[in-house]
mmCIF file of all heavy atoms, coordinates in Angstrom:
data_MODEL
# 
_entry.id   MODEL 
# 
loop_
_atom_site.group_PDB 
_atom_site.id 
_atom_site.type_symbol 
_atom_site.label_atom_id 
_atom_site.label_alt_id 
_atom_site.label_comp_id 
_atom_site.label_asym_id 
_atom_site.label_entity_id 
_atom_site.label_seq_id 
_atom_site.pdbx_PDB_ins_code 
_atom_site.Cartn_x 
_atom_site.Cartn_y 
_atom_site.Cartn_z 
_atom_site.occupancy 
_atom_site.B_iso_or_equiv 
_atom_site.pdbx_formal_charge 
_atom_site.auth_seq_id 
_atom_site.auth_comp_id 
_atom_site.auth_asym_id 
_atom_site.auth_atom_id 
_atom_site.pdbx_PDB_model_num 
ATOM 1   N N   . ILE A 1 1  ? 162.043 98.218  -21.601 1.00 0.00 ? 1  ILE A N   1 
ATOM 2   C CA  . ILE A 1 1  ? 163.111 97.705  -20.732 1.00 0.00 ? 1  ILE A CA  1 
ATOM 3   C C   . ILE A 1 1  ? 162.517 96.951  -19.541 1.00 0.00 ? 1  ILE A C   1 
ATOM 4   O O   . ILE A 1 1  ? 163.002 95.876  -19.160 1.00 0.00 ? 1  ILE A O   1 
ATOM 5   C CB  . ILE A 1 1  ? 163.991 98.875  -20.250 1.00 0.00 ? 1  ILE A CB  1 
ATOM 6   C CG1 . ILE A 1 1  ? 164.731 99.480  -21.437 1.00 0.00 ? 1  ILE A CG1 1 
ATOM 7   C CG2 . ILE A 1 1  ? 164.979 98.415  -19.186 1.00 0.00 ? 1  ILE A CG2 1 
ATOM 8   C CD1 . ILE A 1 1  ? 165.545 100.703 -21.096 1.00 0.00 ? 1  ILE A CD1 1 
ATOM 9   N N   . ILE A 1 2  ? 161.441 97.493  -18.963 1.00 0.00 ? 2  ILE A N   1 
ATOM 10  C CA  . ILE A 1 2  ? 160.805 96.814  -17.827 1.00 0.00 ? 2  ILE A CA  1 
ATOM 11  C C   . ILE A 1 2  ? 160.273 95.451  -18.256 1.00 0.00 ? 2  ILE A C   1 
ATOM 12  O O   . ILE A 1 2  ? 160.416 94.438  -17.531 1.00 0.00 ? 2  ILE A O   1 
ATOM 13  C CB  . ILE A 1 2  ? 159.669 97.683  -17.246 1.00 0.00 ? 2  ILE A CB  1 
ATOM 14  C CG1 . ILE A 1 2  ? 160.230 99.024  -16.733 1.00 0.00 ? 2  ILE A CG1 1 
ATOM 15  C CG2 . ILE A 1 2  ? 158.947 96.966  -16.120 1.00 0.00 ? 2  ILE A CG2 1 
ATOM 16  C CD1 . ILE A 1 2  ? 159.175 100.036 -16.352 1.00 0.00 ? 2  ILE A CD1 1 
ATOM 17  N N   . ASP A 1 3  ? 159.648 95.392  -19.461 1.00 0.00 ? 3  ASP A N   1 
ATOM 18  C CA  . ASP A 1 3  ? 159.123 94.113  -19.959 1.00 0.00 ? 3  ASP A CA  1 
ATOM 19  C C   . ASP A 1 3  ? 160.226 93.083  -20.096 1.00 0.00 ? 3  ASP A C   1 
ATOM 20  O O   . ASP A 1 3  ? 160.041 91.894  -19.746 1.00 0.00 ? 3  ASP A O   1 
ATOM 21  C CB  . ASP A 1 3  ? 158.439 94.327  -21.324 1.00 0.00 ? 3  ASP A CB  1 
ATOM 22  C CG  . ASP A 1 3  ? 157.163 95.148  -21.203 1.00 0.00 ? 3  ASP A CG  1 
ATOM 23  O OD1 . ASP A 1 3  ? 156.612 95.216  -20.078 1.00 0.00 ? 3  ASP A OD1 1 
ATOM 24  O OD2 . ASP A 1 3  ? 156.728 95.735  -22.218 1.00 0.00 ? 3  ASP A OD2 1 
ATOM 25  N N   . ARG A 1 4  ? 161.382 93.487  -20.583 1.00 0.00 ? 4  ARG A N   1 
ATOM 26  C CA  . ARG A 1 4  ? 162.493 92.533  -20.777 1.00 0.00 ? 4  ARG A CA  1 
ATOM 27  C C   . ARG A 1 4  ? 162.944 91.958  -19.439 1.00 0.00 ? 4  ARG A C   1 
ATOM 28  O O   . ARG A 1 4  ? 163.133 90.739  -19.330 1.00 0.00 ? 4  ARG A O   1 
ATOM 29  C CB  . ARG A 1 4  ? 163.652 93.259  -21.468 1.00 0.00 ? 4  ARG A CB  1 
ATOM 30  C CG  . ARG A 1 4  ? 164.931 92.431  -21.566 1.00 0.00 ? 4  ARG A CG  1 
ATOM 31  C CD  . ARG A 1 4  ? 165.870 92.987  -22.621 1.00 0.00 ? 4  ARG A CD  1 
ATOM 32  N NE  . ARG A 1 4  ? 166.164 94.384  -22.443 1.00 0.00 ? 4  ARG A NE  1 
ATOM 33  C CZ  . ARG A 1 4  ? 167.085 94.843  -21.587 1.00 0.00 ? 4  ARG A CZ  1 
ATOM 34  N NH1 . ARG A 1 4  ? 167.774 94.021  -20.844 1.00 0.00 ? 4  ARG A NH1 1 
ATOM 35  N NH2 . ARG A 1 4  ? 167.305 96.133  -21.507 1.00 0.00 ? 4  ARG A NH2 1 
ATOM 36  N N   . PHE A 1 5  ? 163.075 92.805  -18.423 1.00 0.00 ? 5  PHE A N   1 
ATOM 37  C CA  . PHE A 1 5  ? 163.497 92.297  -17.121 1.00 0.00 ? 5  PHE A CA  1 
ATOM 38  C C   . PHE A 1 5  ? 162.396 91.449  -16.479 1.00 0.00 ? 5  PHE A C   1 
ATOM 39  O O   . PHE A 1 5  ? 162.680 90.472  -15.789 1.00 0.00 ? 5  PHE A O   1 
ATOM 40  C CB  . PHE A 1 5  ? 163.852 93.469  -16.196 1.00 0.00 ? 5  PHE A CB  1 
ATOM 41  C CG  . PHE A 1 5  ? 165.259 93.943  -16.336 1.00 0.00 ? 5  PHE A CG  1 
ATOM 42  C CD1 . PHE A 1 5  ? 165.571 94.994  -17.185 1.00 0.00 ? 5  PHE A CD1 1 
ATOM 43  C CD2 . PHE A 1 5  ? 166.293 93.329  -15.636 1.00 0.00 ? 5  PHE A CD2 1 
ATOM 44  C CE1 . PHE A 1 5  ? 166.874 95.440  -17.325 1.00 0.00 ? 5  PHE A CE1 1 
ATOM 45  C CE2 . PHE A 1 5  ? 167.603 93.773  -15.771 1.00 0.00 ? 5  PHE A CE2 1 
ATOM 46  C CZ  . PHE A 1 5  ? 167.895 94.832  -16.618 1.00 0.00 ? 5  PHE A CZ  1 
ATOM 47  N N   . GLU A 1 6  ? 161.139 91.818  -16.733 1.00 0.00 ? 6  GLU A N   1 
ATOM 48  C CA  . GLU A 1 6  ? 160.034 91.069  -16.130 1.00 0.00 ? 6  GLU A CA  1 
ATOM 49  C C   . GLU A 1 6  ? 159.954 89.667  -16.707 1.00 0.00 ? 6  GLU A C   1 
ATOM 50  O O   . GLU A 1 6  ? 159.594 88.706  -16.001 1.00 0.00 ? 6  GLU A O   1 
ATOM 51  C CB  . GLU A 1 6  ? 158.729 91.834  -16.354 1.00 0.00 ? 6  GLU A CB  1 
ATOM 52  C CG  . GLU A 1 6  ? 157.592 91.362  -15.463 1.00 0.00 ? 6  GLU A CG  1 
ATOM 53  C CD  . GLU A 1 6  ? 156.424 92.330  -15.457 1.00 0.00 ? 6  GLU A CD  1 
ATOM 54  O OE1 . GLU A 1 6  ? 156.298 93.101  -16.429 1.00 0.00 ? 6  GLU A OE1 1 
ATOM 55  O OE2 . GLU A 1 6  ? 155.652 92.303  -14.494 1.00 0.00 ? 6  GLU A OE2 1 
ATOM 56  N N   . LEU A 1 7  ? 160.314 89.499  -17.967 1.00 0.00 ? 7  LEU A N   1 
ATOM 57  C CA  . LEU A 1 7  ? 160.266 88.184  -18.602 1.00 0.00 ? 7  LEU A CA  1 
ATOM 58  C C   . LEU A 1 7  ? 161.455 87.316  -18.210 1.00 0.00 ? 7  LEU A C   1 
ATOM 59  O O   . LEU A 1 7  ? 161.340 86.082  -18.162 1.00 0.00 ? 7  LEU A O   1 
ATOM 60  C CB  . LEU A 1 7  ? 160.222 88.341  -20.132 1.00 0.00 ? 7  LEU A CB  1 
ATOM 61  C CG  . LEU A 1 7  ? 158.917 88.921  -20.707 1.00 0.00 ? 7  LEU A CG  1 
ATOM 62  C CD1 . LEU A 1 7  ? 159.069 89.207  -22.193 1.00 0.00 ? 7  LEU A CD1 1 
ATOM 63  C CD2 . LEU A 1 7  ? 157.762 87.946  -20.472 1.00 0.00 ? 7  LEU A CD2 1 
ATOM 64  N N   . THR A 1 8  ? 162.598 87.928  -17.930 1.00 0.00 ? 8  THR A N   1 
ATOM 65  C CA  . THR A 1 8  ? 163.824 87.151  -17.690 1.00 0.00 ? 8  THR A CA  1 
ATOM 66  C C   . THR A 1 8  ? 164.196 87.038  -16.217 1.00 0.00 ? 8  THR A C   1 
ATOM 67  O O   . THR A 1 8  ? 165.171 86.357  -15.889 1.00 0.00 ? 8  THR A O   1 
ATOM 68  C CB  . THR A 1 8  ? 165.001 87.804  -18.434 1.00 0.00 ? 8  THR A CB  1 
ATOM 69  O OG1 . THR A 1 8  ? 165.156 89.155  -17.981 1.00 0.00 ? 8  THR A OG1 1 
ATOM 70  C CG2 . THR A 1 8  ? 164.764 87.786  -19.934 1.00 0.00 ? 8  THR A CG2 1 
ATOM 71  N N   . LYS A 1 9  ? 163.469 87.691  -15.322 1.00 0.00 ? 9  LYS A N   1 
ATOM 72  C CA  . LYS A 1 9  ? 163.844 87.638  -13.895 1.00 0.00 ? 9  LYS A CA  1 
ATOM 73  C C   . LYS A 1 9  ? 163.681 86.218  -13.371 1.00 0.00 ? 9  LYS A C   1 
ATOM 74  O O   . LYS A 1 9  ? 162.773 85.470  -13.763 1.00 0.00 ? 9  LYS A O   1 
ATOM 75  C CB  . LYS A 1 9  ? 162.979 88.617  -13.094 1.00 0.00 ? 9  LYS A CB  1 
ATOM 76  C CG  . LYS A 1 9  ? 161.495 88.272  -13.060 1.00 0.00 ? 9  LYS A CG  1 
ATOM 77  C CD  . LYS A 1 9  ? 160.708 89.302  -12.266 1.00 0.00 ? 9  LYS A CD  1 
ATOM 78  C CE  . LYS A 1 9  ? 159.219 88.937  -12.261 1.00 0.00 ? 9  LYS A CE  1 
ATOM 79  N NZ  . LYS A 1 9  ? 158.420 89.892  -11.507 1.00 0.00 ? 9  LYS A NZ  1 
ATOM 80  N N   . GLU A 1 10 ? 164.593 85.843  -12.465 1.00 0.00 ? 10 GLU A N   1 
ATOM 81  C CA  . GLU A 1 10 ? 164.595 84.507  -11.905 1.00 0.00 ? 10 GLU A CA  1 
ATOM 82  C C   . GLU A 1 10 ? 164.018 84.466  -10.498 1.00 0.00 ? 10 GLU A C   1 
ATOM 83  O O   . GLU A 1 10 ? 163.725 83.387  -9.983  1.00 0.00 ? 10 GLU A O   1 
ATOM 84  C CB  . GLU A 1 10 ? 166.042 83.974  -11.879 1.00 0.00 ? 10 GLU A CB  1 
ATOM 85  C CG  . GLU A 1 10 ? 166.650 83.826  -13.271 1.00 0.00 ? 10 GLU A CG  1 
ATOM 86  C CD  . GLU A 1 10 ? 168.084 83.329  -13.204 1.00 0.00 ? 10 GLU A CD  1 
ATOM 87  O OE1 . GLU A 1 10 ? 168.577 83.128  -12.064 1.00 0.00 ? 10 GLU A OE1 1 
ATOM 88  O OE2 . GLU A 1 10 ? 168.699 83.137  -14.264 1.00 0.00 ? 10 GLU A OE2 1 
ATOM 89  N N   . GLN A 1 11 ? 163.856 85.607  -9.831  1.00 0.00 ? 11 GLN A N   1 
ATOM 90  C CA  . GLN A 1 11 ? 163.352 85.621  -8.470  1.00 0.00 ? 11 GLN A CA  1 
ATOM 91  C C   . GLN A 1 11 ? 161.923 86.170  -8.444  1.00 0.00 ? 11 GLN A C   1 
ATOM 92  O O   . GLN A 1 11 ? 161.458 86.794  -9.394  1.00 0.00 ? 11 GLN A O   1 
ATOM 93  C CB  . GLN A 1 11 ? 164.267 86.488  -7.583  1.00 0.00 ? 11 GLN A CB  1 
ATOM 94  C CG  . GLN A 1 11 ? 164.387 87.925  -8.047  1.00 0.00 ? 11 GLN A CG  1 
ATOM 95  C CD  . GLN A 1 11 ? 165.573 88.629  -7.435  1.00 0.00 ? 11 GLN A CD  1 
ATOM 96  O OE1 . GLN A 1 11 ? 166.555 88.848  -8.099  1.00 0.00 ? 11 GLN A OE1 1 
ATOM 97  N NE2 . GLN A 1 11 ? 165.461 88.966  -6.166  1.00 0.00 ? 11 GLN A NE2 1 
ATOM 98  N N   . ASN A 1 12 ? 161.258 85.913  -7.342  1.00 0.00 ? 12 ASN A N   1 
ATOM 99  C CA  . ASN A 1 12 ? 159.867 86.329  -7.187  1.00 0.00 ? 12 ASN A CA  1 
ATOM 100 C C   . ASN A 1 12 ? 159.824 87.774  -6.698  1.00 0.00 ? 12 ASN A C   1 
ATOM 101 O O   . ASN A 1 12 ? 159.801 88.040  -5.499  1.00 0.00 ? 12 ASN A O   1 
ATOM 102 C CB  . ASN A 1 12 ? 159.160 85.397  -6.189  1.00 0.00 ? 12 ASN A CB  1 
ATOM 103 C CG  . ASN A 1 12 ? 157.695 85.788  -6.000  1.00 0.00 ? 12 ASN A CG  1 
ATOM 104 O OD1 . ASN A 1 12 ? 157.092 86.414  -6.872  1.00 0.00 ? 12 ASN A OD1 1 
ATOM 105 N ND2 . ASN A 1 12 ? 157.134 85.414  -4.864  1.00 0.00 ? 12 ASN A ND2 1 
ATOM 106 N N   . VAL A 1 13 ? 159.841 88.705  -7.644  1.00 0.00 ? 13 VAL A N   1 
ATOM 107 C CA  . VAL A 1 13 ? 159.804 90.135  -7.336  1.00 0.00 ? 13 VAL A CA  1 
ATOM 108 C C   . VAL A 1 13 ? 158.685 90.774  -8.157  1.00 0.00 ? 13 VAL A C   1 
ATOM 109 O O   . VAL A 1 13 ? 158.553 90.529  -9.353  1.00 0.00 ? 13 VAL A O   1 
ATOM 110 C CB  . VAL A 1 13 ? 161.149 90.816  -7.666  1.00 0.00 ? 13 VAL A CB  1 
ATOM 111 C CG1 . VAL A 1 13 ? 161.048 92.311  -7.404  1.00 0.00 ? 13 VAL A CG1 1 
ATOM 112 C CG2 . VAL A 1 13 ? 162.267 90.227  -6.829  1.00 0.00 ? 13 VAL A CG2 1 
ATOM 113 N N   . ILE A 1 14 ? 157.880 91.621  -7.497  1.00 0.00 ? 14 ILE A N   1 
ATOM 114 C CA  . ILE A 1 14 ? 156.751 92.280  -8.155  1.00 0.00 ? 14 ILE A CA  1 
ATOM 115 C C   . ILE A 1 14 ? 157.236 93.582  -8.795  1.00 0.00 ? 14 ILE A C   1 
ATOM 116 O O   . ILE A 1 14 ? 157.963 94.363  -8.180  1.00 0.00 ? 14 ILE A O   1 
ATOM 117 C CB  . ILE A 1 14 ? 155.630 92.579  -7.136  1.00 0.00 ? 14 ILE A CB  1 
ATOM 118 C CG1 . ILE A 1 14 ? 155.138 91.268  -6.505  1.00 0.00 ? 14 ILE A CG1 1 
ATOM 119 C CG2 . ILE A 1 14 ? 154.479 93.329  -7.794  1.00 0.00 ? 14 ILE A CG2 1 
ATOM 120 C CD1 . ILE A 1 14 ? 154.202 91.486  -5.330  1.00 0.00 ? 14 ILE A CD1 1 
ATOM 121 N N   . PHE A 1 15 ? 156.825 93.797  -10.057 1.00 0.00 ? 15 PHE A N   1 
ATOM 122 C CA  . PHE A 1 15 ? 157.134 95.046  -10.757 1.00 0.00 ? 15 PHE A CA  1 
ATOM 123 C C   . PHE A 1 15 ? 155.900 95.937  -10.739 1.00 0.00 ? 15 PHE A C   1 
ATOM 124 O O   . PHE A 1 15 ? 154.822 95.512  -11.167 1.00 0.00 ? 15 PHE A O   1 
ATOM 125 C CB  . PHE A 1 15 ? 157.540 94.788  -12.210 1.00 0.00 ? 15 PHE A CB  1 
ATOM 126 C CG  . PHE A 1 15 ? 158.961 94.306  -12.370 1.00 0.00 ? 15 PHE A CG  1 
ATOM 127 C CD1 . PHE A 1 15 ? 159.688 93.880  -11.267 1.00 0.00 ? 15 PHE A CD1 1 
ATOM 128 C CD2 . PHE A 1 15 ? 159.585 94.300  -13.605 1.00 0.00 ? 15 PHE A CD2 1 
ATOM 129 C CE1 . PHE A 1 15 ? 160.999 93.445  -11.399 1.00 0.00 ? 15 PHE A CE1 1 
ATOM 130 C CE2 . PHE A 1 15 ? 160.889 93.868  -13.749 1.00 0.00 ? 15 PHE A CE2 1 
ATOM 131 C CZ  . PHE A 1 15 ? 161.599 93.438  -12.643 1.00 0.00 ? 15 PHE A CZ  1 
ATOM 132 N N   . GLU A 1 16 ? 156.049 97.168  -10.233 1.00 0.00 ? 16 GLU A N   1 
ATOM 133 C CA  . GLU A 1 16 ? 154.939 98.129  -10.200 1.00 0.00 ? 16 GLU A CA  1 
ATOM 134 C C   . GLU A 1 16 ? 155.309 99.345  -11.045 1.00 0.00 ? 16 GLU A C   1 
ATOM 135 O O   . GLU A 1 16 ? 156.382 99.915  -10.882 1.00 0.00 ? 16 GLU A O   1 
ATOM 136 C CB  . GLU A 1 16 ? 154.648 98.574  -8.758  1.00 0.00 ? 16 GLU A CB  1 
ATOM 137 C CG  . GLU A 1 16 ? 153.477 99.535  -8.673  1.00 0.00 ? 16 GLU A CG  1 
ATOM 138 C CD  . GLU A 1 16 ? 153.217 99.994  -7.241  1.00 0.00 ? 16 GLU A CD  1 
ATOM 139 O OE1 . GLU A 1 16 ? 154.016 99.653  -6.348  1.00 0.00 ? 16 GLU A OE1 1 
ATOM 140 O OE2 . GLU A 1 16 ? 152.220 100.698 -7.023  1.00 0.00 ? 16 GLU A OE2 1 
ATOM 141 N N   . ARG A 1 17 ? 154.420 99.730  -11.939 1.00 0.00 ? 17 ARG A N   1 
ATOM 142 C CA  . ARG A 1 17 ? 154.693 100.847 -12.844 1.00 0.00 ? 17 ARG A CA  1 
ATOM 143 C C   . ARG A 1 17 ? 153.785 102.025 -12.506 1.00 0.00 ? 17 ARG A C   1 
ATOM 144 O O   . ARG A 1 17 ? 152.574 101.863 -12.359 1.00 0.00 ? 17 ARG A O   1 
ATOM 145 C CB  . ARG A 1 17 ? 154.461 100.429 -14.299 1.00 0.00 ? 17 ARG A CB  1 
ATOM 146 C CG  . ARG A 1 17 ? 155.161 99.135  -14.662 1.00 0.00 ? 17 ARG A CG  1 
ATOM 147 C CD  . ARG A 1 17 ? 155.001 98.799  -16.117 1.00 0.00 ? 17 ARG A CD  1 
ATOM 148 N NE  . ARG A 1 17 ? 155.354 97.398  -16.378 1.00 0.00 ? 17 ARG A NE  1 
ATOM 149 C CZ  . ARG A 1 17 ? 155.745 96.915  -17.537 1.00 0.00 ? 17 ARG A CZ  1 
ATOM 150 N NH1 . ARG A 1 17 ? 155.841 97.725  -18.578 1.00 0.00 ? 17 ARG A NH1 1 
ATOM 151 N NH2 . ARG A 1 17 ? 156.041 95.641  -17.684 1.00 0.00 ? 17 ARG A NH2 1 
ATOM 152 N N   . LYS A 1 18 ? 154.396 103.189 -12.371 1.00 0.00 ? 18 LYS A N   1 
ATOM 153 C CA  . LYS A 1 18 ? 153.660 104.434 -12.142 1.00 0.00 ? 18 LYS A CA  1 
ATOM 154 C C   . LYS A 1 18 ? 154.087 105.417 -13.218 1.00 0.00 ? 18 LYS A C   1 
ATOM 155 O O   . LYS A 1 18 ? 154.863 106.358 -12.975 1.00 0.00 ? 18 LYS A O   1 
ATOM 156 C CB  . LYS A 1 18 ? 153.958 104.990 -10.747 1.00 0.00 ? 18 LYS A CB  1 
ATOM 157 C CG  . LYS A 1 18 ? 153.465 104.110 -9.616  1.00 0.00 ? 18 LYS A CG  1 
ATOM 158 C CD  . LYS A 1 18 ? 153.762 104.744 -8.268  1.00 0.00 ? 18 LYS A CD  1 
ATOM 159 C CE  . LYS A 1 18 ? 153.232 103.885 -7.119  1.00 0.00 ? 18 LYS A CE  1 
ATOM 160 N NZ  . LYS A 1 18 ? 153.524 104.490 -5.797  1.00 0.00 ? 18 LYS A NZ  1 
ATOM 161 N N   . LEU A 1 19 ? 153.597 105.181 -14.429 1.00 0.00 ? 19 LEU A N   1 
ATOM 162 C CA  . LEU A 1 19 ? 154.029 105.954 -15.592 1.00 0.00 ? 19 LEU A CA  1 
ATOM 163 C C   . LEU A 1 19 ? 152.851 106.701 -16.199 1.00 0.00 ? 19 LEU A C   1 
ATOM 164 O O   . LEU A 1 19 ? 151.710 106.221 -16.148 1.00 0.00 ? 19 LEU A O   1 
ATOM 165 C CB  . LEU A 1 19 ? 154.652 105.029 -16.642 1.00 0.00 ? 19 LEU A CB  1 
ATOM 166 C CG  . LEU A 1 19 ? 155.794 104.127 -16.163 1.00 0.00 ? 19 LEU A CG  1 
ATOM 167 C CD1 . LEU A 1 19 ? 156.253 103.220 -17.292 1.00 0.00 ? 19 LEU A CD1 1 
ATOM 168 C CD2 . LEU A 1 19 ? 156.950 104.955 -15.649 1.00 0.00 ? 19 LEU A CD2 1 
ATOM 169 N N   . PRO A 1 20 ? 153.076 107.875 -16.794 1.00 0.00 ? 20 PRO A N   1 
ATOM 170 C CA  . PRO A 1 20 ? 151.999 108.609 -17.461 1.00 0.00 ? 20 PRO A CA  1 
ATOM 171 C C   . PRO A 1 20 ? 151.433 107.801 -18.630 1.00 0.00 ? 20 PRO A C   1 
ATOM 172 O O   . PRO A 1 20 ? 152.114 106.959 -19.221 1.00 0.00 ? 20 PRO A O   1 
ATOM 173 C CB  . PRO A 1 20 ? 152.687 109.887 -17.939 1.00 0.00 ? 20 PRO A CB  1 
ATOM 174 C CG  . PRO A 1 20 ? 153.927 110.001 -17.119 1.00 0.00 ? 20 PRO A CG  1 
ATOM 175 C CD  . PRO A 1 20 ? 154.351 108.612 -16.807 1.00 0.00 ? 20 PRO A CD  1 
ATOM 176 N N   . LYS A 1 21 ? 150.190 108.084 -18.972 1.00 0.00 ? 21 LYS A N   1 
ATOM 177 C CA  . LYS A 1 21 ? 149.542 107.384 -20.091 1.00 0.00 ? 21 LYS A CA  1 
ATOM 178 C C   . LYS A 1 21 ? 149.888 108.021 -21.435 1.00 0.00 ? 21 LYS A C   1 
ATOM 179 O O   . LYS A 1 21 ? 149.805 107.366 -22.469 1.00 0.00 ? 21 LYS A O   1 
ATOM 180 C CB  . LYS A 1 21 ? 148.018 107.399 -19.898 1.00 0.00 ? 21 LYS A CB  1 
ATOM 181 C CG  . LYS A 1 21 ? 147.542 106.727 -18.614 1.00 0.00 ? 21 LYS A CG  1 
ATOM 182 C CD  . LYS A 1 21 ? 147.910 105.261 -18.582 1.00 0.00 ? 21 LYS A CD  1 
ATOM 183 C CE  . LYS A 1 21 ? 147.384 104.602 -17.307 1.00 0.00 ? 21 LYS A CE  1 
ATOM 184 N NZ  . LYS A 1 21 ? 147.784 103.185 -17.230 1.00 0.00 ? 21 LYS A NZ  1 
ATOM 185 N N   . HIS A 1 22 ? 150.309 109.279 -21.429 1.00 0.00 ? 22 HIS A N   1 
ATOM 186 C CA  . HIS A 1 22 ? 150.598 109.976 -22.673 1.00 0.00 ? 22 HIS A CA  1 
ATOM 187 C C   . HIS A 1 22 ? 152.083 109.862 -23.011 1.00 0.00 ? 22 HIS A C   1 
ATOM 188 O O   . HIS A 1 22 ? 152.902 109.467 -22.170 1.00 0.00 ? 22 HIS A O   1 
ATOM 189 C CB  . HIS A 1 22 ? 150.194 111.446 -22.584 1.00 0.00 ? 22 HIS A CB  1 
ATOM 190 C CG  . HIS A 1 22 ? 150.867 112.159 -21.451 1.00 0.00 ? 22 HIS A CG  1 
ATOM 191 N ND1 . HIS A 1 22 ? 150.292 112.261 -20.205 1.00 0.00 ? 22 HIS A ND1 1 
ATOM 192 C CD2 . HIS A 1 22 ? 152.062 112.789 -21.374 1.00 0.00 ? 22 HIS A CD2 1 
ATOM 193 C CE1 . HIS A 1 22 ? 151.097 112.911 -19.423 1.00 0.00 ? 22 HIS A CE1 1 
ATOM 194 N NE2 . HIS A 1 22 ? 152.196 113.249 -20.096 1.00 0.00 ? 22 HIS A NE2 1 
ATOM 195 N N   . ALA A 1 23 ? 152.426 110.247 -24.225 1.00 0.00 ? 23 ALA A N   1 
ATOM 196 C CA  . ALA A 1 23 ? 153.810 110.162 -24.688 1.00 0.00 ? 23 ALA A CA  1 
ATOM 197 C C   . ALA A 1 23 ? 154.651 111.275 -24.076 1.00 0.00 ? 23 ALA A C   1 
ATOM 198 O O   . ALA A 1 23 ? 154.148 112.348 -23.747 1.00 0.00 ? 23 ALA A O   1 
ATOM 199 C CB  . ALA A 1 23 ? 153.858 110.245 -26.209 1.00 0.00 ? 23 ALA A CB  1 
ATOM 200 N N   . ALA A 1 24 ? 155.961 110.996 -23.882 1.00 0.00 ? 24 ALA A N   1 
ATOM 201 C CA  . ALA A 1 24 ? 156.909 111.980 -23.393 1.00 0.00 ? 24 ALA A CA  1 
ATOM 202 C C   . ALA A 1 24 ? 158.185 111.831 -24.219 1.00 0.00 ? 24 ALA A C   1 
ATOM 203 O O   . ALA A 1 24 ? 158.965 110.909 -24.004 1.00 0.00 ? 24 ALA A O   1 
ATOM 204 C CB  . ALA A 1 24 ? 157.186 111.772 -21.907 1.00 0.00 ? 24 ALA A CB  1 
ATOM 205 N N   . PHE A 1 25 ? 158.391 112.715 -25.175 1.00 0.00 ? 25 PHE A N   1 
ATOM 206 C CA  . PHE A 1 25 ? 159.508 112.596 -26.114 1.00 0.00 ? 25 PHE A CA  1 
ATOM 207 C C   . PHE A 1 25 ? 160.751 113.302 -25.558 1.00 0.00 ? 25 PHE A C   1 
ATOM 208 O O   . PHE A 1 25 ? 160.692 114.461 -25.147 1.00 0.00 ? 25 PHE A O   1 
ATOM 209 C CB  . PHE A 1 25 ? 159.127 113.193 -27.468 1.00 0.00 ? 25 PHE A CB  1 
ATOM 210 C CG  . PHE A 1 25 ? 158.147 112.339 -28.238 1.00 0.00 ? 25 PHE A CG  1 
ATOM 211 C CD1 . PHE A 1 25 ? 156.780 112.586 -28.146 1.00 0.00 ? 25 PHE A CD1 1 
ATOM 212 C CD2 . PHE A 1 25 ? 158.588 111.285 -29.027 1.00 0.00 ? 25 PHE A CD2 1 
ATOM 213 C CE1 . PHE A 1 25 ? 155.878 111.808 -28.838 1.00 0.00 ? 25 PHE A CE1 1 
ATOM 214 C CE2 . PHE A 1 25 ? 157.691 110.509 -29.717 1.00 0.00 ? 25 PHE A CE2 1 
ATOM 215 C CZ  . PHE A 1 25 ? 156.321 110.764 -29.634 1.00 0.00 ? 25 PHE A CZ  1 
ATOM 216 N N   . VAL A 1 26 ? 161.864 112.564 -25.544 1.00 0.00 ? 26 VAL A N   1 
ATOM 217 C CA  . VAL A 1 26 ? 163.156 113.112 -25.145 1.00 0.00 ? 26 VAL A CA  1 
ATOM 218 C C   . VAL A 1 26 ? 164.194 112.709 -26.181 1.00 0.00 ? 26 VAL A C   1 
ATOM 219 O O   . VAL A 1 26 ? 164.042 111.697 -26.876 1.00 0.00 ? 26 VAL A O   1 
ATOM 220 C CB  . VAL A 1 26 ? 163.579 112.611 -23.748 1.00 0.00 ? 26 VAL A CB  1 
ATOM 221 C CG1 . VAL A 1 26 ? 162.689 113.174 -22.685 1.00 0.00 ? 26 VAL A CG1 1 
ATOM 222 C CG2 . VAL A 1 26 ? 163.587 111.097 -23.697 1.00 0.00 ? 26 VAL A CG2 1 
ATOM 223 N N   . GLU A 1 27 ? 165.266 113.499 -26.251 1.00 0.00 ? 27 GLU A N   1 
ATOM 224 C CA  . GLU A 1 27 ? 166.320 113.214 -27.220 1.00 0.00 ? 27 GLU A CA  1 
ATOM 225 C C   . GLU A 1 27 ? 167.470 112.521 -26.488 1.00 0.00 ? 27 GLU A C   1 
ATOM 226 O O   . GLU A 1 27 ? 168.180 113.144 -25.698 1.00 0.00 ? 27 GLU A O   1 
ATOM 227 C CB  . GLU A 1 27 ? 166.798 114.519 -27.862 1.00 0.00 ? 27 GLU A CB  1 
ATOM 228 C CG  . GLU A 1 27 ? 167.639 114.287 -29.105 1.00 0.00 ? 27 GLU A CG  1 
ATOM 229 C CD  . GLU A 1 27 ? 167.971 115.585 -29.826 1.00 0.00 ? 27 GLU A CD  1 
ATOM 230 O OE1 . GLU A 1 27 ? 167.631 116.656 -29.283 1.00 0.00 ? 27 GLU A OE1 1 
ATOM 231 O OE2 . GLU A 1 27 ? 168.563 115.525 -30.907 1.00 0.00 ? 27 GLU A OE2 1 
# 
C-alpha cells in the first residue's frame, strides 16, 4: 500500500518506514 501511494503522490512528501524485517501474519 505504501508503494502504491509513493508512486502516485503528486506532492513532495517523504515516506519513512519503520517496519520489522520479519513476517507478521494476521487474519
